[in-house]
């Protein structure tokens, strides 16, 4: 598991590069609850790009055959943390966007378009 990237994943980089090319500026590593992948401070928007395995994507998640109890507890805790973080950020006045990694891989333009639409409506 030490080889698993926690930040700067390929899907994150795809979205960041596309938004930057469109002229949008964001923060990474911002110290908000849950450490969002992208933060638009002035618009108070936090974006997460969730890995299909680590966040139990309904389309792609498959429970590993070995050590099932460990993985069930780990993945369940991740999902519960996601819900808690979403609530915390919402209570603090932030808009939260979550995308699955497969959405970014399949249709990055759609994901970027959804972010741009939200940001455009807040300018």
PDB file of N, CA and C in Angstrom:
ATOM      1  N   UNK A   1       0.809  -1.197   0.000  1.00  0.00           N
ATOM      2  CA  UNK A   1       0.000   0.000   0.000  1.00  0.00           C
ATOM      3  C   UNK A   1       0.851   1.260   0.000  1.00  0.00           C
ATOM      4  N   UNK A   2       2.131   1.129   0.269  1.00  0.00           N
ATOM      5  CA  UNK A   2       2.986   2.313   0.300  1.00  0.00           C
ATOM      6  C   UNK A   2       3.134   2.947  -1.076  1.00  0.00           C
ATOM      7  N   UNK A   3       2.807   2.200  -2.131  1.00  0.00           N
ATOM      8  CA  UNK A   3       2.919   2.742  -3.484  1.00  0.00           C
ATOM      9  C   UNK A   3       1.653   3.478  -3.931  1.00  0.00           C
ATOM     10  N   UNK A   4       0.613   3.441  -3.113  1.00  0.00           N
ATOM     11  CA  UNK A   4      -0.639   4.097  -3.469  1.00  0.00           C
ATOM     12  C   UNK A   4      -0.493   5.595  -3.240  1.00  0.00           C
ATOM     13  N   UNK A   5      -0.774   6.355  -4.290  1.00  0.00           N
ATOM     14  CA  UNK A   5      -0.661   7.799  -4.186  1.00  0.00           C
ATOM     15  C   UNK A   5      -1.877   8.369  -3.467  1.00  0.00           C
ATOM     16  N   UNK A   6      -1.622   9.262  -2.536  1.00  0.00           N
ATOM     17  CA  UNK A   6      -2.704   9.932  -1.832  1.00  0.00           C
ATOM     18  C   UNK A   6      -3.027  11.279  -2.440  1.00  0.00           C
ATOM     19  N   UNK A   7      -2.125  11.772  -3.260  1.00  0.00           N
ATOM     20  CA  UNK A   7      -2.358  13.060  -3.921  1.00  0.00           C
ATOM     21  C   UNK A   7      -1.635  13.044  -5.259  1.00  0.00           C
ATOM     22  N   UNK A   8      -1.970  14.009  -6.084  1.00  0.00           N
ATOM     23  CA  UNK A   8      -1.382  14.113  -7.425  1.00  0.00           C
ATOM     24  C   UNK A   8      -1.594  12.841  -8.248  1.00  0.00           C
ATOM     25  N   UNK A   9      -2.774  12.259  -8.126  1.00  0.00           N
ATOM     26  CA  UNK A   9      -3.098  11.086  -8.938  1.00  0.00           C
ATOM     27  C   UNK A   9      -3.345  11.537 -10.378  1.00  0.00           C
ATOM     28  N   UNK A  10      -3.321  10.603 -11.299  1.00  0.00           N
ATOM     29  CA  UNK A  10      -3.545  10.952 -12.708  1.00  0.00           C
ATOM     30  C   UNK A  10      -4.883  11.651 -12.923  1.00  0.00           C
ATOM     31  N   UNK A  11      -5.985  11.142 -12.351  1.00  0.00           N
ATOM     32  CA  UNK A  11      -7.253  11.857 -12.548  1.00  0.00           C
ATOM     33  C   UNK A  11      -7.221  13.288 -11.990  1.00  0.00           C
ATOM     34  N   UNK A  12      -6.597  13.480 -10.837  1.00  0.00           N
ATOM     35  CA  UNK A  12      -6.479  14.837 -10.282  1.00  0.00           C
ATOM     36  C   UNK A  12      -5.701  15.742 -11.227  1.00  0.00           C
ATOM     37  N   UNK A  13      -4.594  15.246 -11.732  1.00  0.00           N
ATOM     38  CA  UNK A  13      -3.758  16.062 -12.619  1.00  0.00           C
ATOM     39  C   UNK A  13      -4.485  16.418 -13.907  1.00  0.00           C
ATOM     40  N   UNK A  14      -5.283  15.502 -14.430  1.00  0.00           N
ATOM     41  CA  UNK A  14      -6.054  15.784 -15.647  1.00  0.00           C
ATOM     42  C   UNK A  14      -6.999  16.960 -15.401  1.00  0.00           C
ATOM     43  N   UNK A  15      -7.718  16.915 -14.290  1.00  0.00           N
ATOM     44  CA  UNK A  15      -8.672  17.984 -13.973  1.00  0.00           C
ATOM     45  C   UNK A  15      -7.938  19.290 -13.695  1.00  0.00           C
ATOM     46  N   UNK A  16      -6.865  19.231 -12.923  1.00  0.00           N
ATOM     47  CA  UNK A  16      -6.117  20.451 -12.604  1.00  0.00           C
ATOM     48  C   UNK A  16      -5.568  21.112 -13.853  1.00  0.00           C
ATOM     49  N   UNK A  17      -4.973  20.331 -14.739  1.00  0.00           N
ATOM     50  CA  UNK A  17      -4.400  20.907 -15.966  1.00  0.00           C
ATOM     51  C   UNK A  17      -5.476  21.552 -16.828  1.00  0.00           C
ATOM     52  N   UNK A  18      -6.614  20.883 -16.955  1.00  0.00           N
ATOM     53  CA  UNK A  18      -7.699  21.424 -17.787  1.00  0.00           C
ATOM     54  C   UNK A  18      -8.232  22.729 -17.203  1.00  0.00           C
ATOM     55  N   UNK A  19      -8.438  22.773 -15.893  1.00  0.00           N
ATOM     56  CA  UNK A  19      -8.941  24.002 -15.270  1.00  0.00           C
ATOM     57  C   UNK A  19      -7.925  25.129 -15.377  1.00  0.00           C
ATOM     58  N   UNK A  20      -6.660  24.807 -15.179  1.00  0.00           N
ATOM     59  CA  UNK A  20      -5.610  25.825 -15.284  1.00  0.00           C
ATOM     60  C   UNK A  20      -5.557  26.379 -16.704  1.00  0.00           C
ATOM     61  N   UNK A  21      -5.677  25.499 -17.696  1.00  0.00           N
ATOM     62  CA  UNK A  21      -5.649  25.933 -19.100  1.00  0.00           C
ATOM     63  C   UNK A  21      -6.821  26.853 -19.421  1.00  0.00           C
ATOM     64  N   UNK A  22      -7.934  26.683 -18.698  1.00  0.00           N
ATOM     65  CA  UNK A  22      -9.102  27.542 -18.901  1.00  0.00           C
ATOM     66  C   UNK A  22      -9.012  28.845 -18.105  1.00  0.00           C
ATOM     67  N   UNK A  23      -7.940  28.992 -17.338  1.00  0.00           N
ATOM     68  CA  UNK A  23      -7.741  30.229 -16.591  1.00  0.00           C
ATOM     69  C   UNK A  23      -8.208  30.193 -15.148  1.00  0.00           C
ATOM     70  N   UNK A  24      -8.645  29.039 -14.666  1.00  0.00           N
ATOM     71  CA  UNK A  24      -9.093  28.931 -13.279  1.00  0.00           C
ATOM     72  C   UNK A  24      -7.899  28.669 -12.371  1.00  0.00           C
ATOM     73  N   UNK A  25      -7.905  29.324 -11.224  1.00  0.00           N
ATOM     74  CA  UNK A  25      -6.839  29.147 -10.251  1.00  0.00           C
ATOM     75  C   UNK A  25      -7.430  28.541  -8.987  1.00  0.00           C
ATOM     76  N   UNK A  26      -6.695  27.674  -8.375  1.00  0.00           N
ATOM     77  CA  UNK A  26      -7.187  26.901  -7.248  1.00  0.00           C
ATOM     78  C   UNK A  26      -6.039  26.652  -6.291  1.00  0.00           C
ATOM     79  N   UNK A  27      -6.370  26.118  -5.150  1.00  0.00           N
ATOM     80  CA  UNK A  27      -5.364  25.711  -4.172  1.00  0.00           C
ATOM     81  C   UNK A  27      -5.382  24.193  -4.068  1.00  0.00           C
ATOM     82  N   UNK A  28      -4.224  23.634  -3.785  1.00  0.00           N
ATOM     83  CA  UNK A  28      -4.143  22.204  -3.481  1.00  0.00           C
ATOM     84  C   UNK A  28      -3.515  22.076  -2.099  1.00  0.00           C
ATOM     85  N   UNK A  29      -3.888  21.042  -1.381  1.00  0.00           N
ATOM     86  CA  UNK A  29      -3.339  20.842  -0.043  1.00  0.00           C
ATOM     87  C   UNK A  29      -3.881  21.814   0.981  1.00  0.00           C
ATOM     88  N   UNK A  30      -5.011  22.449   0.692  1.00  0.00           N
ATOM     89  CA  UNK A  30      -5.617  23.411   1.610  1.00  0.00           C
ATOM     90  C   UNK A  30      -6.086  22.681   2.858  1.00  0.00           C
ATOM     91  N   UNK A  31      -5.906  23.294   4.005  1.00  0.00           N
ATOM     92  CA  UNK A  31      -6.192  22.615   5.266  1.00  0.00           C
ATOM     93  C   UNK A  31      -7.658  22.721   5.673  1.00  0.00           C
ATOM     94  N   UNK A  32      -8.512  22.263   4.801  1.00  0.00           N
ATOM     95  CA  UNK A  32      -9.931  22.141   5.120  1.00  0.00           C
ATOM     96  C   UNK A  32     -10.191  20.710   5.578  1.00  0.00           C
ATOM     97  N   UNK A  33     -11.319  20.466   6.247  1.00  0.00           N
ATOM     98  CA  UNK A  33     -11.640  19.083   6.607  1.00  0.00           C
ATOM     99  C   UNK A  33     -11.618  18.183   5.372  1.00  0.00           C
ATOM    100  N   UNK A  34     -10.969  17.043   5.487  1.00  0.00           N
ATOM    101  CA  UNK A  34     -10.904  16.083   4.395  1.00  0.00           C
ATOM    102  C   UNK A  34      -9.840  16.366   3.356  1.00  0.00           C
ATOM    103  N   UNK A  35      -9.138  17.489   3.475  1.00  0.00           N
ATOM    104  CA  UNK A  35      -8.102  17.864   2.502  1.00  0.00           C
ATOM    105  C   UNK A  35      -8.581  17.703   1.055  1.00  0.00           C
ATOM    106  N   UNK A  36      -9.480  18.577   0.590  1.00  0.00           N
ATOM    107  CA  UNK A  36      -9.977  18.455  -0.791  1.00  0.00           C
ATOM    108  C   UNK A  36      -8.833  18.456  -1.801  1.00  0.00           C
ATOM    109  N   UNK A  37      -9.073  17.835  -2.945  1.00  0.00           N
ATOM    110  CA  UNK A  37      -8.062  17.779  -4.000  1.00  0.00           C
ATOM    111  C   UNK A  37      -7.876  19.134  -4.665  1.00  0.00           C
ATOM    112  N   UNK A  38      -8.948  19.891  -4.785  1.00  0.00           N
ATOM    113  CA  UNK A  38      -8.906  21.244  -5.352  1.00  0.00           C
ATOM    114  C   UNK A  38      -9.782  22.143  -4.491  1.00  0.00           C
ATOM    115  N   UNK A  39      -9.303  23.341  -4.218  1.00  0.00           N
ATOM    116  CA  UNK A  39     -10.078  24.294  -3.429  1.00  0.00           C
ATOM    117  C   UNK A  39     -10.110  25.628  -4.156  1.00  0.00           C
ATOM    118  N   UNK A  40     -11.311  26.124  -4.354  1.00  0.00           N
ATOM    119  CA  UNK A  40     -11.521  27.456  -4.914  1.00  0.00           C
ATOM    120  C   UNK A  40     -11.960  28.325  -3.742  1.00  0.00           C
ATOM    121  N   UNK A  41     -10.993  29.022  -3.145  1.00  0.00           N
ATOM    122  CA  UNK A  41     -11.201  29.704  -1.873  1.00  0.00           C
ATOM    123  C   UNK A  41     -12.275  30.780  -1.974  1.00  0.00           C
ATOM    124  N   UNK A  42     -12.166  31.668  -2.945  1.00  0.00           N
ATOM    125  CA  UNK A  42     -13.096  32.794  -3.027  1.00  0.00           C
ATOM    126  C   UNK A  42     -14.529  32.346  -3.301  1.00  0.00           C
ATOM    127  N   UNK A  43     -14.690  31.279  -4.052  1.00  0.00           N
ATOM    128  CA  UNK A  43     -16.024  30.761  -4.343  1.00  0.00           C
ATOM    129  C   UNK A  43     -16.493  29.750  -3.295  1.00  0.00           C
ATOM    130  N   UNK A  44     -15.591  29.375  -2.386  1.00  0.00           N
ATOM    131  CA  UNK A  44     -15.882  28.405  -1.332  1.00  0.00           C
ATOM    132  C   UNK A  44     -16.384  27.076  -1.923  1.00  0.00           C
ATOM    133  N   UNK A  45     -15.603  26.550  -2.855  1.00  0.00           N
ATOM    134  CA  UNK A  45     -15.916  25.272  -3.497  1.00  0.00           C
ATOM    135  C   UNK A  45     -14.765  24.303  -3.239  1.00  0.00           C
ATOM    136  N   UNK A  46     -15.102  23.107  -2.767  1.00  0.00           N
ATOM    137  CA  UNK A  46     -14.120  22.048  -2.524  1.00  0.00           C
ATOM    138  C   UNK A  46     -14.427  20.887  -3.465  1.00  0.00           C
ATOM    139  N   UNK A  47     -13.395  20.412  -4.169  1.00  0.00           N
ATOM    140  CA  UNK A  47     -13.564  19.331  -5.141  1.00  0.00           C
ATOM    141  C   UNK A  47     -12.743  18.124  -4.692  1.00  0.00           C
ATOM    142  N   UNK A  48     -13.403  16.968  -4.688  1.00  0.00           N
ATOM    143  CA  UNK A  48     -12.746  15.704  -4.380  1.00  0.00           C
ATOM    144  C   UNK A  48     -12.846  14.800  -5.599  1.00  0.00           C
ATOM    145  N   UNK A  49     -11.765  14.104  -5.906  1.00  0.00           N
ATOM    146  CA  UNK A  49     -11.786  13.084  -6.953  1.00  0.00           C
ATOM    147  C   UNK A  49     -11.483  11.764  -6.248  1.00  0.00           C
ATOM    148  N   UNK A  50     -12.526  10.974  -6.076  1.00  0.00           N
ATOM    149  CA  UNK A  50     -12.444   9.763  -5.271  1.00  0.00           C
ATOM    150  C   UNK A  50     -12.058   8.549  -6.107  1.00  0.00           C
ATOM    151  N   UNK A  51     -11.105   7.789  -5.595  1.00  0.00           N
ATOM    152  CA  UNK A  51     -10.710   6.548  -6.244  1.00  0.00           C
ATOM    153  C   UNK A  51     -11.821   5.510  -6.136  1.00  0.00           C
ATOM    154  N   UNK A  52     -12.049   4.774  -7.200  1.00  0.00           N
ATOM    155  CA  UNK A  52     -13.143   3.799  -7.236  1.00  0.00           C
ATOM    156  C   UNK A  52     -12.981   2.712  -6.169  1.00  0.00           C
ATOM    157  N   UNK A  53     -11.768   2.274  -5.919  1.00  0.00           N
ATOM    158  CA  UNK A  53     -11.565   1.243  -4.898  1.00  0.00           C
ATOM    159  C   UNK A  53     -11.701   1.824  -3.499  1.00  0.00           C
ATOM    160  N   UNK A  54     -10.986   2.879  -3.212  1.00  0.00           N
ATOM    161  CA  UNK A  54     -10.880   3.400  -1.852  1.00  0.00           C
ATOM    162  C   UNK A  54     -12.171   4.009  -1.324  1.00  0.00           C
ATOM    163  N   UNK A  55     -13.072   4.390  -2.214  1.00  0.00           N
ATOM    164  CA  UNK A  55     -14.307   5.048  -1.780  1.00  0.00           C
ATOM    165  C   UNK A  55     -15.556   4.267  -2.180  1.00  0.00           C
ATOM    166  N   UNK A  56     -15.368   3.011  -2.573  1.00  0.00           N
ATOM    167  CA  UNK A  56     -16.452   2.056  -2.859  1.00  0.00           C
ATOM    168  C   UNK A  56     -17.394   2.541  -3.964  1.00  0.00           C
ATOM    169  N   UNK A  57     -16.816   2.749  -5.125  1.00  0.00           N
ATOM    170  CA  UNK A  57     -17.606   3.119  -6.303  1.00  0.00           C
ATOM    171  C   UNK A  57     -18.639   2.022  -6.578  1.00  0.00           C
ATOM    172  N   UNK A  58     -19.917   2.397  -6.736  1.00  0.00           N
ATOM    173  CA  UNK A  58     -20.929   1.368  -6.983  1.00  0.00           C
ATOM    174  C   UNK A  58     -20.746   0.658  -8.325  1.00  0.00           C
ATOM    175  N   UNK A  59     -20.032   1.279  -9.240  1.00  0.00           N
ATOM    176  CA  UNK A  59     -19.842   0.689 -10.563  1.00  0.00           C
ATOM    177  C   UNK A  59     -18.619  -0.236 -10.640  1.00  0.00           C
ATOM    178  N   UNK A  60     -17.554   0.083  -9.897  1.00  0.00           N
ATOM    179  CA  UNK A  60     -16.297  -0.649 -10.075  1.00  0.00           C
ATOM    180  C   UNK A  60     -15.751  -1.362  -8.841  1.00  0.00           C
ATOM    181  N   UNK A  61     -16.263  -1.058  -7.680  1.00  0.00           N
ATOM    182  CA  UNK A  61     -15.665  -1.621  -6.472  1.00  0.00           C
ATOM    183  C   UNK A  61     -15.863  -3.132  -6.412  1.00  0.00           C
ATOM    184  N   UNK A  62     -14.787  -3.826  -6.136  1.00  0.00           N
ATOM    185  CA  UNK A  62     -14.813  -5.268  -5.897  1.00  0.00           C
ATOM    186  C   UNK A  62     -14.021  -5.518  -4.619  1.00  0.00           C
ATOM    187  N   UNK A  63     -14.665  -6.180  -3.680  1.00  0.00           N
ATOM    188  CA  UNK A  63     -14.004  -6.484  -2.418  1.00  0.00           C
ATOM    189  C   UNK A  63     -12.883  -7.487  -2.669  1.00  0.00           C
ATOM    190  N   UNK A  64     -11.683  -7.221  -2.153  1.00  0.00           N
ATOM    191  CA  UNK A  64     -10.590  -8.191  -2.306  1.00  0.00           C
ATOM    192  C   UNK A  64     -10.971  -9.529  -1.661  1.00  0.00           C
ATOM    193  N   UNK A  65     -10.470 -10.588  -2.221  1.00  0.00           N
ATOM    194  CA  UNK A  65     -10.789 -11.923  -1.706  1.00  0.00           C
ATOM    195  C   UNK A  65     -10.052 -12.228  -0.412  1.00  0.00           C
ATOM    196  N   UNK A  66      -8.855 -11.699  -0.278  1.00  0.00           N
ATOM    197  CA  UNK A  66      -8.087 -11.974   0.938  1.00  0.00           C
ATOM    198  C   UNK A  66      -8.277 -10.832   1.936  1.00  0.00           C
ATOM    199  N   UNK A  67      -8.211 -11.198   3.194  1.00  0.00           N
ATOM    200  CA  UNK A  67      -8.269 -10.225   4.282  1.00  0.00           C
ATOM    201  C   UNK A  67      -9.541  -9.377   4.215  1.00  0.00           C
ATOM    202  N   UNK A  68     -10.655 -10.008   3.951  1.00  0.00           N
ATOM    203  CA  UNK A  68     -11.925  -9.309   3.728  1.00  0.00           C
ATOM    204  C   UNK A  68     -12.361  -8.449   4.911  1.00  0.00           C
ATOM    205  N   UNK A  69     -12.173  -8.940   6.119  1.00  0.00           N
ATOM    206  CA  UNK A  69     -12.599  -8.165   7.295  1.00  0.00           C
ATOM    207  C   UNK A  69     -11.849  -6.842   7.367  1.00  0.00           C
ATOM    208  N   UNK A  70     -10.550  -6.892   7.141  1.00  0.00           N
ATOM    209  CA  UNK A  70      -9.751  -5.666   7.151  1.00  0.00           C
ATOM    210  C   UNK A  70     -10.268  -4.683   6.107  1.00  0.00           C
ATOM    211  N   UNK A  71     -10.454  -5.168   4.876  1.00  0.00           N
ATOM    212  CA  UNK A  71     -10.864  -4.272   3.792  1.00  0.00           C
ATOM    213  C   UNK A  71     -12.267  -3.729   3.995  1.00  0.00           C
ATOM    214  N   UNK A  72     -13.157  -4.540   4.502  1.00  0.00           N
ATOM    215  CA  UNK A  72     -14.518  -4.058   4.763  1.00  0.00           C
ATOM    216  C   UNK A  72     -14.489  -2.917   5.772  1.00  0.00           C
ATOM    217  N   UNK A  73     -13.728  -3.096   6.853  1.00  0.00           N
ATOM    218  CA  UNK A  73     -13.625  -2.039   7.862  1.00  0.00           C
ATOM    219  C   UNK A  73     -12.962  -0.791   7.289  1.00  0.00           C
ATOM    220  N   UNK A  74     -11.895  -0.976   6.537  1.00  0.00           N
ATOM    221  CA  UNK A  74     -11.149   0.150   5.958  1.00  0.00           C
ATOM    222  C   UNK A  74     -12.014   0.959   4.994  1.00  0.00           C
ATOM    223  N   UNK A  75     -12.652   0.279   4.053  1.00  0.00           N
ATOM    224  CA  UNK A  75     -13.445   0.966   3.032  1.00  0.00           C
ATOM    225  C   UNK A  75     -14.685   1.596   3.658  1.00  0.00           C
ATOM    226  N   UNK A  76     -15.311   0.909   4.603  1.00  0.00           N
ATOM    227  CA  UNK A  76     -16.478   1.479   5.287  1.00  0.00           C
ATOM    228  C   UNK A  76     -16.103   2.746   6.041  1.00  0.00           C
ATOM    229  N   UNK A  77     -14.945   2.725   6.694  1.00  0.00           N
ATOM    230  CA  UNK A  77     -14.479   3.922   7.411  1.00  0.00           C
ATOM    231  C   UNK A  77     -14.219   5.067   6.436  1.00  0.00           C
ATOM    232  N   UNK A  78     -13.662   4.763   5.277  1.00  0.00           N
ATOM    233  CA  UNK A  78     -13.434   5.808   4.267  1.00  0.00           C
ATOM    234  C   UNK A  78     -14.753   6.445   3.838  1.00  0.00           C
ATOM    235  N   UNK A  79     -15.758   5.618   3.575  1.00  0.00           N
ATOM    236  CA  UNK A  79     -17.060   6.131   3.124  1.00  0.00           C
ATOM    237  C   UNK A  79     -17.728   6.963   4.214  1.00  0.00           C
ATOM    238  N   UNK A  80     -17.636   6.508   5.450  1.00  0.00           N
ATOM    239  CA  UNK A  80     -18.205   7.272   6.563  1.00  0.00           C
ATOM    240  C   UNK A  80     -17.481   8.604   6.718  1.00  0.00           C
ATOM    241  N   UNK A  81     -16.163   8.592   6.578  1.00  0.00           N
ATOM    242  CA  UNK A  81     -15.392   9.836   6.654  1.00  0.00           C
ATOM    243  C   UNK A  81     -15.802  10.795   5.537  1.00  0.00           C
ATOM    244  N   UNK A  82     -16.027  10.273   4.337  1.00  0.00           N
ATOM    245  CA  UNK A  82     -16.484  11.121   3.228  1.00  0.00           C
ATOM    246  C   UNK A  82     -17.786  11.831   3.589  1.00  0.00           C
ATOM    247  N   UNK A  83     -18.745  11.090   4.154  1.00  0.00           N
ATOM    248  CA  UNK A  83     -20.029  11.693   4.541  1.00  0.00           C
ATOM    249  C   UNK A  83     -19.831  12.753   5.619  1.00  0.00           C
ATOM    250  N   UNK A  84     -18.987  12.454   6.594  1.00  0.00           N
ATOM    251  CA  UNK A  84     -18.731  13.397   7.679  1.00  0.00           C
ATOM    252  C   UNK A  84     -18.067  14.669   7.159  1.00  0.00           C
ATOM    253  N   UNK A  85     -17.089  14.516   6.275  1.00  0.00           N
ATOM    254  CA  UNK A  85     -16.380  15.664   5.697  1.00  0.00           C
ATOM    255  C   UNK A  85     -17.337  16.523   4.878  1.00  0.00           C
ATOM    256  N   UNK A  86     -18.184  15.888   4.071  1.00  0.00           N
ATOM    257  CA  UNK A  86     -19.173  16.640   3.288  1.00  0.00           C
ATOM    258  C   UNK A  86     -20.058  17.476   4.209  1.00  0.00           C
ATOM    259  N   UNK A  87     -20.515  16.881   5.304  1.00  0.00           N
ATOM    260  CA  UNK A  87     -21.362  17.606   6.258  1.00  0.00           C
ATOM    261  C   UNK A  87     -20.612  18.762   6.902  1.00  0.00           C
ATOM    262  N   UNK A  88     -19.386  18.506   7.329  1.00  0.00           N
ATOM    263  CA  UNK A  88     -18.585  19.564   7.962  1.00  0.00           C
ATOM    264  C   UNK A  88     -18.377  20.734   7.018  1.00  0.00           C
ATOM    265  N   UNK A  89     -17.988  20.444   5.790  1.00  0.00           N
ATOM    266  CA  UNK A  89     -17.731  21.514   4.827  1.00  0.00           C
ATOM    267  C   UNK A  89     -19.009  22.287   4.511  1.00  0.00           C
ATOM    268  N   UNK A  90     -20.115  21.579   4.368  1.00  0.00           N
ATOM    269  CA  UNK A  90     -21.392  22.241   4.093  1.00  0.00           C
ATOM    270  C   UNK A  90     -21.775  23.159   5.252  1.00  0.00           C
ATOM    271  N   UNK A  91     -21.592  22.685   6.477  1.00  0.00           N
ATOM    272  CA  UNK A  91     -21.894  23.508   7.651  1.00  0.00           C
ATOM    273  C   UNK A  91     -21.010  24.752   7.709  1.00  0.00           C
ATOM    274  N   UNK A  92     -19.803  24.656   7.169  1.00  0.00           N
ATOM    275  CA  UNK A  92     -18.888  25.799   7.139  1.00  0.00           C
ATOM    276  C   UNK A  92     -19.163  26.729   5.952  1.00  0.00           C
ATOM    277  N   UNK A  93     -20.172  26.399   5.147  1.00  0.00           N
ATOM    278  CA  UNK A  93     -20.543  27.257   4.030  1.00  0.00           C
ATOM    279  C   UNK A  93     -19.847  26.943   2.716  1.00  0.00           C
ATOM    280  N   UNK A  94     -19.292  25.758   2.590  1.00  0.00           N
ATOM    281  CA  UNK A  94     -18.603  25.346   1.363  1.00  0.00           C
ATOM    282  C   UNK A  94     -19.529  24.493   0.511  1.00  0.00           C
ATOM    283  N   UNK A  95     -19.363  24.593  -0.803  1.00  0.00           N
ATOM    284  CA  UNK A  95     -20.022  23.693  -1.747  1.00  0.00           C
ATOM    285  C   UNK A  95     -19.039  22.558  -2.008  1.00  0.00           C
ATOM    286  N   UNK A  96     -19.533  21.333  -1.989  1.00  0.00           N
ATOM    287  CA  UNK A  96     -18.679  20.157  -2.162  1.00  0.00           C
ATOM    288  C   UNK A  96     -19.059  19.443  -3.459  1.00  0.00           C
ATOM    289  N   UNK A  97     -18.056  19.188  -4.287  1.00  0.00           N
ATOM    290  CA  UNK A  97     -18.239  18.393  -5.502  1.00  0.00           C
ATOM    291  C   UNK A  97     -17.376  17.147  -5.376  1.00  0.00           C
ATOM    292  N   UNK A  98     -17.972  15.996  -5.651  1.00  0.00           N
ATOM    293  CA  UNK A  98     -17.228  14.734  -5.636  1.00  0.00           C
ATOM    294  C   UNK A  98     -17.398  14.054  -6.983  1.00  0.00           C
ATOM    295  N   UNK A  99     -16.285  13.573  -7.514  1.00  0.00           N
ATOM    296  CA  UNK A  99     -16.287  12.847  -8.780  1.00  0.00           C
ATOM    297  C   UNK A  99     -15.549  11.536  -8.579  1.00  0.00           C
ATOM    298  N   UNK A 100     -16.023  10.497  -9.269  1.00  0.00           N
ATOM    299  CA  UNK A 100     -15.318   9.221  -9.265  1.00  0.00           C
ATOM    300  C   UNK A 100     -14.155   9.292 -10.240  1.00  0.00           C
ATOM    301  N   UNK A 101     -13.099   8.562  -9.929  1.00  0.00           N
ATOM    302  CA  UNK A 101     -11.945   8.539 -10.833  1.00  0.00           C
ATOM    303  C   UNK A 101     -12.344   8.046 -12.217  1.00  0.00           C
ATOM    304  N   UNK A 102     -13.298   7.110 -12.308  1.00  0.00           N
ATOM    305  CA  UNK A 102     -13.703   6.616 -13.632  1.00  0.00           C
ATOM    306  C   UNK A 102     -14.424   7.697 -14.439  1.00  0.00           C
ATOM    307  N   UNK A 103     -15.091   8.629 -13.769  1.00  0.00           N
ATOM    308  CA  UNK A 103     -15.734   9.731 -14.495  1.00  0.00           C
ATOM    309  C   UNK A 103     -14.684  10.616 -15.156  1.00  0.00           C
ATOM    310  N   UNK A 104     -13.604  10.870 -14.428  1.00  0.00           N
ATOM    311  CA  UNK A 104     -12.525  11.695 -14.980  1.00  0.00           C
ATOM    312  C   UNK A 104     -11.842  10.961 -16.124  1.00  0.00           C
ATOM    313  N   UNK A 105     -11.614   9.674 -15.960  1.00  0.00           N
ATOM    314  CA  UNK A 105     -10.934   8.901 -17.009  1.00  0.00           C
ATOM    315  C   UNK A 105     -11.785   8.805 -18.282  1.00  0.00           C
ATOM    316  N   UNK A 106     -13.078   8.596 -18.109  1.00  0.00           N
ATOM    317  CA  UNK A 106     -13.966   8.426 -19.268  1.00  0.00           C
ATOM    318  C   UNK A 106     -14.299   9.746 -19.963  1.00  0.00           C
ATOM    319  N   UNK A 107     -14.688  10.733 -19.158  1.00  0.00           N
ATOM    320  CA  UNK A 107     -15.177  11.994 -19.722  1.00  0.00           C
ATOM    321  C   UNK A 107     -14.632  13.189 -18.947  1.00  0.00           C
ATOM    322  N   UNK A 108     -13.342  13.447 -19.076  1.00  0.00           N
ATOM    323  CA  UNK A 108     -12.765  14.557 -18.310  1.00  0.00           C
ATOM    324  C   UNK A 108     -13.414  15.899 -18.644  1.00  0.00           C
ATOM    325  N   UNK A 109     -13.819  16.092 -19.886  1.00  0.00           N
ATOM    326  CA  UNK A 109     -14.438  17.363 -20.265  1.00  0.00           C
ATOM    327  C   UNK A 109     -15.764  17.586 -19.545  1.00  0.00           C
ATOM    328  N   UNK A 110     -16.498  16.516 -19.311  1.00  0.00           N
ATOM    329  CA  UNK A 110     -17.772  16.632 -18.601  1.00  0.00           C
ATOM    330  C   UNK A 110     -17.524  17.033 -17.147  1.00  0.00           C
ATOM    331  N   UNK A 111     -16.549  16.399 -16.510  1.00  0.00           N
ATOM    332  CA  UNK A 111     -16.212  16.725 -15.124  1.00  0.00           C
ATOM    333  C   UNK A 111     -15.765  18.175 -15.021  1.00  0.00           C
ATOM    334  N   UNK A 112     -14.847  18.571 -15.877  1.00  0.00           N
ATOM    335  CA  UNK A 112     -14.357  19.956 -15.863  1.00  0.00           C
ATOM    336  C   UNK A 112     -15.515  20.912 -16.142  1.00  0.00           C
ATOM    337  N   UNK A 113     -16.385  20.554 -17.067  1.00  0.00           N
ATOM    338  CA  UNK A 113     -17.536  21.392 -17.382  1.00  0.00           C
ATOM    339  C   UNK A 113     -18.457  21.592 -16.195  1.00  0.00           C
ATOM    340  N   UNK A 114     -18.660  20.553 -15.392  1.00  0.00           N
ATOM    341  CA  UNK A 114     -19.508  20.680 -14.205  1.00  0.00           C
ATOM    342  C   UNK A 114     -18.881  21.622 -13.184  1.00  0.00           C
ATOM    343  N   UNK A 115     -17.573  21.533 -13.028  1.00  0.00           N
ATOM    344  CA  UNK A 115     -16.882  22.435 -12.100  1.00  0.00           C
ATOM    345  C   UNK A 115     -16.985  23.870 -12.605  1.00  0.00           C
ATOM    346  N   UNK A 116     -16.723  24.066 -13.885  1.00  0.00           N
ATOM    347  CA  UNK A 116     -16.772  25.405 -14.482  1.00  0.00           C
ATOM    348  C   UNK A 116     -18.179  25.983 -14.372  1.00  0.00           C
ATOM    349  N   UNK A 117     -19.210  25.156 -14.601  1.00  0.00           N
ATOM    350  CA  UNK A 117     -20.587  25.646 -14.480  1.00  0.00           C
ATOM    351  C   UNK A 117     -20.874  26.149 -13.075  1.00  0.00           C
ATOM    352  N   UNK A 118     -20.446  25.388 -12.075  1.00  0.00           N
ATOM    353  CA  UNK A 118     -20.674  25.818 -10.695  1.00  0.00           C
ATOM    354  C   UNK A 118     -19.905  27.095 -10.401  1.00  0.00           C
ATOM    355  N   UNK A 119     -18.644  27.138 -10.804  1.00  0.00           N
ATOM    356  CA  UNK A 119     -17.832  28.329 -10.544  1.00  0.00           C
ATOM    357  C   UNK A 119     -18.358  29.534 -11.314  1.00  0.00           C
ATOM    358  N   UNK A 120     -18.785  29.311 -12.549  1.00  0.00           N
ATOM    359  CA  UNK A 120     -19.301  30.408 -13.363  1.00  0.00           C
ATOM    360  C   UNK A 120     -20.550  31.021 -12.777  1.00  0.00           C
ATOM    361  N   UNK A 121     -21.361  30.205 -12.144  1.00  0.00           N
ATOM    362  CA  UNK A 121     -22.575  30.707 -11.513  1.00  0.00           C
ATOM    363  C   UNK A 121     -22.315  31.436 -10.218  1.00  0.00           C
ATOM    364  N   UNK A 122     -21.077  31.398  -9.745  1.00  0.00           N
ATOM    365  CA  UNK A 122     -20.749  32.023  -8.462  1.00  0.00           C
ATOM    366  C   UNK A 122     -19.919  33.284  -8.623  1.00  0.00           C
ATOM    367  N   UNK A 123     -19.552  33.625  -9.846  1.00  0.00           N
ATOM    368  CA  UNK A 123     -18.700  34.803 -10.047  1.00  0.00           C
ATOM    369  C   UNK A 123     -19.479  36.076  -9.885  1.00  0.00           C
TER     370      UNK A 123
END
